[in-house]
Amino acid sequence: MRESQTAVPSRRAAVGAAAPRYVTVGGVRLAFDEHEHGRGPSIVCLHAIGHGAGDFALLCRALEDRYRVLALDWPGQGRSDPDSRPASAERYAQLLEAFLTATGVERPLLVGNSIGGAAALRYAAAHPGQVRGLVLENPGGLGPTDDLAARVVLRMMARFFEAGARGGGWFGVAFAAYYRLCVLQRAAAADQRRRIVASAYEIAPVLAEAWRGFANPASDLRDLAPRVECPVLFAWATRDRFVTLSRSLPAIRRVPNARVERFPAGHAAHLETPEAFAAAVERFLAEIMPAPPRSVAG
């Protein structure tokens, strides 16, 4: 059931859905953008932790004349309400299932970045035949997290965001540097990076939750890889310093119907190399389904 739009007086709102609709699933009210001009199948876009539906504005515009395109805000991010449960790919996959049911989406193409990609992979593995395809951008969970180096990094990052959640005065400057150097490195992502950086203190608690959760055994998705039956495009940002392709490749090779395309980006190819990413998605769509007719918005 869709609910009326309400204002979210926060900086994180600027990162999220631009013309939000709302649906309550799993006890949390989620905001989402919906572009319904096209008559083709549905495409659902799932953002990275601390981001929002606004990440996919350019991709939505590129596809909306042929497809029904939805982009949601995860709980406590963008314009969505906070969740009573910690952020994790497992929780997000549950919310995704309920979201698809509530919005009447059947057999979508799921486009997921980072934790959004991990949630999409989880959902596809649990629901064979119900996903048309996956476009996964640097999804978490495919590299080992139980070695010493990974444990140190995860603990360090969780503490970093915990300091932001406590309101540490230095956190804003450090967060801005982290996003510029490590996450959204390229100029094409500058506007969304600026909005995310402005929301640093608001999103720090959910970032801390997520990074603590990345160390949990439930976040390890490597054994799910062979259970993903649909076609998969791994759109990998090769400059990523945390979710690296080299550590994820053994799991990727276990996905039955997958291929990898590389992009010179930090963590989010759709934001940093938007034209190349959109072209890759278009090619992938052409391979897995007939091209729908273009529609003209009324």
Foldseek 3Di string as FASTA:
>chain_A
DKDDDDDDPALLQVQADPRWIWDADPNWIKTKDKQAQAPDAEEEEAEAQLGYQNLCPVLCVVCSQHHIYMYIGPDLGHPIHHDPDADALVVVLRRVVRVCVVVVHWQYEYEYFASGLLNVLVNLLVDPPGHLEYEYELYAQLFDQPDPVNVVVLVVQLVLLVCLLVPPPCNLVVVLVCCCPANFPAPLQVVSSVSSSRRSSSSSVNSSRHSVCSNDPVSHCLVSQLSRQHAYEYEYQCQHPNSHCVRRVVSPVNRPHYDYDYDPGRGDCCRRVVVVVSVVVVVVCVVRDPGGDGGDDD
